[in-house]
Amino acid sequence: ALHGHANRPADAPTYQDAAAAITKLSKTKGRDAAVAVLTAFGAAKLPDVKPEQFADIIAAAEKAGA
């Protein structure tokens, strides 16, 4: 039932959590701000981000949107 995520802690952010943070940043600060956060993690788009980076992406998006 874990769909291959048994190695992730139960409270680890999901792809949906990261997507929500990036979407919120895009709506508040613009697409360029959202793309800049992804670029900082070496990703052109959210699917390029590794699951272990989701928490950092969310934190960066929140910081950029603050």
PDB file of N, CA and C in Angstrom:
ATOM      1  N   ALA A   1       0.810  -1.208   0.000  1.00  0.00           N
ATOM      2  CA  ALA A   1       0.000   0.000   0.000  1.00  0.00           C
ATOM      3  C   ALA A   1       0.848   1.264   0.000  1.00  0.00           C
ATOM      4  N   LEU A   2       2.144   1.107   0.188  1.00  0.00           N
ATOM      5  CA  LEU A   2       3.013   2.285   0.235  1.00  0.00           C
ATOM      6  C   LEU A   2       3.471   2.735  -1.150  1.00  0.00           C
ATOM      7  N   HIS A   3       3.197   1.926  -2.162  1.00  0.00           N
ATOM      8  CA  HIS A   3       3.531   2.297  -3.543  1.00  0.00           C
ATOM      9  C   HIS A   3       5.002   2.647  -3.719  1.00  0.00           C
ATOM     10  N   GLY A   4       5.875   1.847  -3.103  1.00  0.00           N
ATOM     11  CA  GLY A   4       7.306   2.041  -3.302  1.00  0.00           C
ATOM     12  C   GLY A   4       7.923   3.143  -2.489  1.00  0.00           C
ATOM     13  N   HIS A   5       7.203   3.668  -1.517  1.00  0.00           N
ATOM     14  CA  HIS A   5       7.743   4.762  -0.716  1.00  0.00           C
ATOM     15  C   HIS A   5       8.093   4.312   0.702  1.00  0.00           C
ATOM     16  N   ALA A   6       8.364   3.018   0.874  1.00  0.00           N
ATOM     17  CA  ALA A   6       8.635   2.472   2.196  1.00  0.00           C
ATOM     18  C   ALA A   6       9.907   3.061   2.810  1.00  0.00           C
ATOM     19  N   ASN A   7      10.806   3.552   1.953  1.00  0.00           N
ATOM     20  CA  ASN A   7      12.058   4.103   2.474  1.00  0.00           C
ATOM     21  C   ASN A   7      11.943   5.581   2.857  1.00  0.00           C
ATOM     22  N   ARG A   8      10.778   6.162   2.670  1.00  0.00           N
ATOM     23  CA  ARG A   8      10.566   7.566   3.050  1.00  0.00           C
ATOM     24  C   ARG A   8       9.831   7.628   4.372  1.00  0.00           C
ATOM     25  N   PRO A   9      10.231   8.547   5.252  1.00  0.00           N
ATOM     26  CA  PRO A   9       9.481   8.701   6.501  1.00  0.00           C
ATOM     27  C   PRO A   9       8.030   9.075   6.200  1.00  0.00           C
ATOM     28  N   ALA A  10       7.131   8.705   7.073  1.00  0.00           N
ATOM     29  CA  ALA A  10       5.710   8.951   6.860  1.00  0.00           C
ATOM     30  C   ALA A  10       5.397  10.438   6.718  1.00  0.00           C
ATOM     31  N   ASP A  11       6.205  11.282   7.366  1.00  0.00           N
ATOM     32  CA  ASP A  11       5.925  12.716   7.325  1.00  0.00           C
ATOM     33  C   ASP A  11       6.695  13.457   6.235  1.00  0.00           C
ATOM     34  N   ALA A  12       7.361  12.717   5.371  1.00  0.00           N
ATOM     35  CA  ALA A  12       8.102  13.361   4.284  1.00  0.00           C
ATOM     36  C   ALA A  12       7.119  14.007   3.312  1.00  0.00           C
ATOM     37  N   PRO A  13       7.461  15.203   2.819  1.00  0.00           N
ATOM     38  CA  PRO A  13       6.573  15.880   1.854  1.00  0.00           C
ATOM     39  C   PRO A  13       6.402  15.041   0.587  1.00  0.00           C
ATOM     40  N   THR A  14       5.252  15.152  -0.008  1.00  0.00           N
ATOM     41  CA  THR A  14       4.962  14.425  -1.237  1.00  0.00           C
ATOM     42  C   THR A  14       5.172  15.327  -2.452  1.00  0.00           C
ATOM     43  N   TYR A  15       5.097  14.723  -3.615  1.00  0.00           N
ATOM     44  CA  TYR A  15       5.157  15.491  -4.858  1.00  0.00           C
ATOM     45  C   TYR A  15       4.052  16.552  -4.858  1.00  0.00           C
ATOM     46  N   GLN A  16       2.859  16.169  -4.379  1.00  0.00           N
ATOM     47  CA  GLN A  16       1.737  17.113  -4.350  1.00  0.00           C
ATOM     48  C   GLN A  16       2.041  18.298  -3.436  1.00  0.00           C
ATOM     49  N   ASP A  17       2.712  18.044  -2.310  1.00  0.00           N
ATOM     50  CA  ASP A  17       3.083  19.128  -1.401  1.00  0.00           C
ATOM     51  C   ASP A  17       4.035  20.106  -2.099  1.00  0.00           C
ATOM     52  N   ALA A  18       5.023  19.551  -2.792  1.00  0.00           N
ATOM     53  CA  ALA A  18       5.989  20.388  -3.500  1.00  0.00           C
ATOM     54  C   ALA A  18       5.308  21.149  -4.635  1.00  0.00           C
ATOM     55  N   ALA A  19       4.422  20.459  -5.355  1.00  0.00           N
ATOM     56  CA  ALA A  19       3.706  21.105  -6.449  1.00  0.00           C
ATOM     57  C   ALA A  19       2.846  22.251  -5.941  1.00  0.00           C
ATOM     58  N   ALA A  20       2.203  22.052  -4.789  1.00  0.00           N
ATOM     59  CA  ALA A  20       1.365  23.103  -4.215  1.00  0.00           C
ATOM     60  C   ALA A  20       2.205  24.323  -3.845  1.00  0.00           C
ATOM     61  N   ALA A  21       3.380  24.085  -3.287  1.00  0.00           N
ATOM     62  CA  ALA A  21       4.260  25.195  -2.899  1.00  0.00           C
ATOM     63  C   ALA A  21       4.747  25.967  -4.121  1.00  0.00           C
ATOM     64  N   ILE A  22       5.123  25.250  -5.164  1.00  0.00           N
ATOM     65  CA  ILE A  22       5.590  25.892  -6.395  1.00  0.00           C
ATOM     66  C   ILE A  22       4.448  26.650  -7.067  1.00  0.00           C
ATOM     67  N   THR A  23       3.268  26.051  -7.082  1.00  0.00           N
ATOM     68  CA  THR A  23       2.104  26.711  -7.685  1.00  0.00           C
ATOM     69  C   THR A  23       1.758  27.993  -6.926  1.00  0.00           C
ATOM     70  N   LYS A  24       1.786  27.924  -5.608  1.00  0.00           N
ATOM     71  CA  LYS A  24       1.489  29.100  -4.792  1.00  0.00           C
ATOM     72  C   LYS A  24       2.505  30.207  -5.066  1.00  0.00           C
ATOM     73  N   LEU A  25       3.787  29.842  -5.135  1.00  0.00           N
ATOM     74  CA  LEU A  25       4.832  30.826  -5.422  1.00  0.00           C
ATOM     75  C   LEU A  25       4.608  31.441  -6.799  1.00  0.00           C
ATOM     76  N   SER A  26       4.267  30.614  -7.769  1.00  0.00           N
ATOM     77  CA  SER A  26       4.023  31.097  -9.125  1.00  0.00           C
ATOM     78  C   SER A  26       2.878  32.103  -9.150  1.00  0.00           C
ATOM     79  N   LYS A  27       1.834  31.838  -8.362  1.00  0.00           N
ATOM     80  CA  LYS A  27       0.679  32.736  -8.331  1.00  0.00           C
ATOM     81  C   LYS A  27       0.979  34.041  -7.598  1.00  0.00           C
ATOM     82  N   THR A  28       1.833  33.977  -6.559  1.00  0.00           N
ATOM     83  CA  THR A  28       2.099  35.180  -5.773  1.00  0.00           C
ATOM     84  C   THR A  28       3.253  36.014  -6.320  1.00  0.00           C
ATOM     85  N   LYS A  29       4.301  35.342  -6.807  1.00  0.00           N
ATOM     86  CA  LYS A  29       5.490  36.068  -7.268  1.00  0.00           C
ATOM     87  C   LYS A  29       5.760  35.952  -8.758  1.00  0.00           C
ATOM     88  N   GLY A  30       4.988  35.108  -9.431  1.00  0.00           N
ATOM     89  CA  GLY A  30       5.176  34.942 -10.871  1.00  0.00           C
ATOM     90  C   GLY A  30       5.923  33.670 -11.223  1.00  0.00           C
ATOM     91  N   ARG A  31       5.735  33.262 -12.458  1.00  0.00           N
ATOM     92  CA  ARG A  31       6.339  32.018 -12.938  1.00  0.00           C
ATOM     93  C   ARG A  31       7.861  32.044 -12.837  1.00  0.00           C
ATOM     94  N   ASP A  32       8.469  33.195 -13.109  1.00  0.00           N
ATOM     95  CA  ASP A  32       9.932  33.274 -13.063  1.00  0.00           C
ATOM     96  C   ASP A  32      10.473  32.919 -11.683  1.00  0.00           C
ATOM     97  N   ALA A  33       9.776  33.346 -10.627  1.00  0.00           N
ATOM     98  CA  ALA A  33      10.212  33.040  -9.269  1.00  0.00           C
ATOM     99  C   ALA A  33      10.141  31.539  -9.016  1.00  0.00           C
ATOM    100  N   ALA A  34       9.082  30.911  -9.494  1.00  0.00           N
ATOM    101  CA  ALA A  34       8.927  29.470  -9.319  1.00  0.00           C
ATOM    102  C   ALA A  34      10.005  28.708 -10.087  1.00  0.00           C
ATOM    103  N   VAL A  35      10.261  29.138 -11.312  1.00  0.00           N
ATOM    104  CA  VAL A  35      11.292  28.499 -12.131  1.00  0.00           C
ATOM    105  C   VAL A  35      12.667  28.679 -11.488  1.00  0.00           C
ATOM    106  N   ALA A  36      12.912  29.840 -10.891  1.00  0.00           N
ATOM    107  CA  ALA A  36      14.200  30.100 -10.243  1.00  0.00           C
ATOM    108  C   ALA A  36      14.444  29.132  -9.090  1.00  0.00           C
ATOM    109  N   VAL A  37      13.395  28.826  -8.333  1.00  0.00           N
ATOM    110  CA  VAL A  37      13.538  27.863  -7.233  1.00  0.00           C
ATOM    111  C   VAL A  37      13.899  26.491  -7.795  1.00  0.00           C
ATOM    112  N   LEU A  38      13.195  26.064  -8.826  1.00  0.00           N
ATOM    113  CA  LEU A  38      13.487  24.759  -9.423  1.00  0.00           C
ATOM    114  C   LEU A  38      14.899  24.718 -10.002  1.00  0.00           C
ATOM    115  N   THR A  39      15.286  25.792 -10.660  1.00  0.00           N
ATOM    116  CA  THR A  39      16.613  25.862 -11.265  1.00  0.00           C
ATOM    117  C   THR A  39      17.704  25.741 -10.210  1.00  0.00           C
ATOM    118  N   ALA A  40      17.457  26.311  -9.032  1.00  0.00           N
ATOM    119  CA  ALA A  40      18.430  26.232  -7.936  1.00  0.00           C
ATOM    120  C   ALA A  40      18.679  24.786  -7.519  1.00  0.00           C
ATOM    121  N   PHE A  41      17.729  23.919  -7.809  1.00  0.00           N
ATOM    122  CA  PHE A  41      17.878  22.501  -7.482  1.00  0.00           C
ATOM    123  C   PHE A  41      18.245  21.668  -8.704  1.00  0.00           C
ATOM    124  N   GLY A  42      18.617  22.334  -9.777  1.00  0.00           N
ATOM    125  CA  GLY A  42      19.047  21.643 -10.979  1.00  0.00           C
ATOM    126  C   GLY A  42      17.903  21.027 -11.763  1.00  0.00           C
ATOM    127  N   ALA A  43      16.699  21.564 -11.583  1.00  0.00           N
ATOM    128  CA  ALA A  43      15.533  21.006 -12.266  1.00  0.00           C
ATOM    129  C   ALA A  43      14.900  22.048 -13.174  1.00  0.00           C
ATOM    130  N   ALA A  44      14.447  21.608 -14.337  1.00  0.00           N
ATOM    131  CA  ALA A  44      13.748  22.497 -15.256  1.00  0.00           C
ATOM    132  C   ALA A  44      12.257  22.532 -14.928  1.00  0.00           C
ATOM    133  N   LYS A  45      11.773  21.420 -14.347  1.00  0.00           N
ATOM    134  CA  LYS A  45      10.360  21.324 -13.966  1.00  0.00           C
ATOM    135  C   LYS A  45      10.257  20.393 -12.772  1.00  0.00           C
ATOM    136  N   LEU A  46       9.156  20.471 -12.059  1.00  0.00           N
ATOM    137  CA  LEU A  46       9.016  19.716 -10.815  1.00  0.00           C
ATOM    138  C   LEU A  46       9.232  18.206 -10.961  1.00  0.00           C
ATOM    139  N   PRO A  47       8.771  17.559 -12.027  1.00  0.00           N
ATOM    140  CA  PRO A  47       9.031  16.114 -12.130  1.00  0.00           C
ATOM    141  C   PRO A  47      10.515  15.751 -12.159  1.00  0.00           C
ATOM    142  N   ASP A  48      11.400  16.728 -12.429  1.00  0.00           N
ATOM    143  CA  ASP A  48      12.841  16.477 -12.435  1.00  0.00           C
ATOM    144  C   ASP A  48      13.432  16.451 -11.028  1.00  0.00           C
ATOM    145  N   VAL A  49      12.662  16.893 -10.051  1.00  0.00           N
ATOM    146  CA  VAL A  49      13.142  16.974  -8.669  1.00  0.00           C
ATOM    147  C   VAL A  49      13.066  15.600  -8.010  1.00  0.00           C
ATOM    148  N   LYS A  50      14.103  15.264  -7.259  1.00  0.00           N
ATOM    149  CA  LYS A  50      14.115  13.986  -6.537  1.00  0.00           C
ATOM    150  C   LYS A  50      13.224  14.098  -5.298  1.00  0.00           C
ATOM    151  N   PRO A  51      12.556  13.006  -4.917  1.00  0.00           N
ATOM    152  CA  PRO A  51      11.674  13.045  -3.734  1.00  0.00           C
ATOM    153  C   PRO A  51      12.357  13.552  -2.471  1.00  0.00           C
ATOM    154  N   GLU A  52      13.637  13.241  -2.302  1.00  0.00           N
ATOM    155  CA  GLU A  52      14.326  13.705  -1.095  1.00  0.00           C
ATOM    156  C   GLU A  52      14.560  15.224  -1.106  1.00  0.00           C
ATOM    157  N   GLN A  53      14.316  15.873  -2.235  1.00  0.00           N
ATOM    158  CA  GLN A  53      14.471  17.327  -2.329  1.00  0.00           C
ATOM    159  C   GLN A  53      13.165  18.082  -2.084  1.00  0.00           C
ATOM    160  N   PHE A  54      12.044  17.361  -1.975  1.00  0.00           N
ATOM    161  CA  PHE A  54      10.745  18.033  -1.845  1.00  0.00           C
ATOM    162  C   PHE A  54      10.707  18.994  -0.658  1.00  0.00           C
ATOM    163  N   ALA A  55      11.211  18.585   0.490  1.00  0.00           N
ATOM    164  CA  ALA A  55      11.175  19.451   1.675  1.00  0.00           C
ATOM    165  C   ALA A  55      11.961  20.736   1.427  1.00  0.00           C
ATOM    166  N   ASP A  56      13.138  20.606   0.785  1.00  0.00           N
ATOM    167  CA  ASP A  56      13.963  21.785   0.495  1.00  0.00           C
ATOM    168  C   ASP A  56      13.301  22.685  -0.541  1.00  0.00           C
ATOM    169  N   ILE A  57      12.658  22.086  -1.521  1.00  0.00           N
ATOM    170  CA  ILE A  57      11.935  22.855  -2.545  1.00  0.00           C
ATOM    171  C   ILE A  57      10.813  23.656  -1.888  1.00  0.00           C
ATOM    172  N   ILE A  58      10.067  23.008  -1.002  1.00  0.00           N
ATOM    173  CA  ILE A  58       8.966  23.682  -0.311  1.00  0.00           C
ATOM    174  C   ILE A  58       9.499  24.839   0.526  1.00  0.00           C
ATOM    175  N   ALA A  59      10.570  24.606   1.257  1.00  0.00           N
ATOM    176  CA  ALA A  59      11.163  25.667   2.080  1.00  0.00           C
ATOM    177  C   ALA A  59      11.650  26.829   1.226  1.00  0.00           C
ATOM    178  N   ALA A  60      12.286  26.517   0.111  1.00  0.00           N
ATOM    179  CA  ALA A  60      12.794  27.560  -0.782  1.00  0.00           C
ATOM    180  C   ALA A  60      11.640  28.349  -1.405  1.00  0.00           C
ATOM    181  N   ALA A  61      10.586  27.652  -1.768  1.00  0.00           N
ATOM    182  CA  ALA A  61       9.424  28.312  -2.371  1.00  0.00           C
ATOM    183  C   ALA A  61       8.768  29.243  -1.344  1.00  0.00           C
ATOM    184  N   GLU A  62       8.645  28.764  -0.103  1.00  0.00           N
ATOM    185  CA  GLU A  62       8.049  29.600   0.935  1.00  0.00           C
ATOM    186  C   GLU A  62       8.914  30.818   1.225  1.00  0.00           C
ATOM    187  N   LYS A  63      10.226  30.625   1.244  1.00  0.00           N
ATOM    188  CA  LYS A  63      11.150  31.744   1.487  1.00  0.00           C
ATOM    189  C   LYS A  63      11.068  32.758   0.347  1.00  0.00           C
ATOM    190  N   ALA A  64      11.017  32.266  -0.878  1.00  0.00           N
ATOM    191  CA  ALA A  64      10.936  33.154  -2.047  1.00  0.00           C
ATOM    192  C   ALA A  64       9.619  33.910  -2.090  1.00  0.00           C
ATOM    193  N   GLY A  65       8.577  33.318  -1.554  1.00  0.00           N
ATOM    194  CA  GLY A  65       7.263  33.944  -1.583  1.00  0.00           C
ATOM    195  C   GLY A  65       6.995  34.850  -0.398  1.00  0.00           C
ATOM    196  N   ALA A  66       7.887  34.818   0.581  1.00  0.00           N
ATOM    197  CA  ALA A  66       7.675  35.599   1.804  1.00  0.00           C
ATOM    198  C   ALA A  66       7.904  37.077   1.584  1.00  0.00           C
TER     199      ALA A  66
END
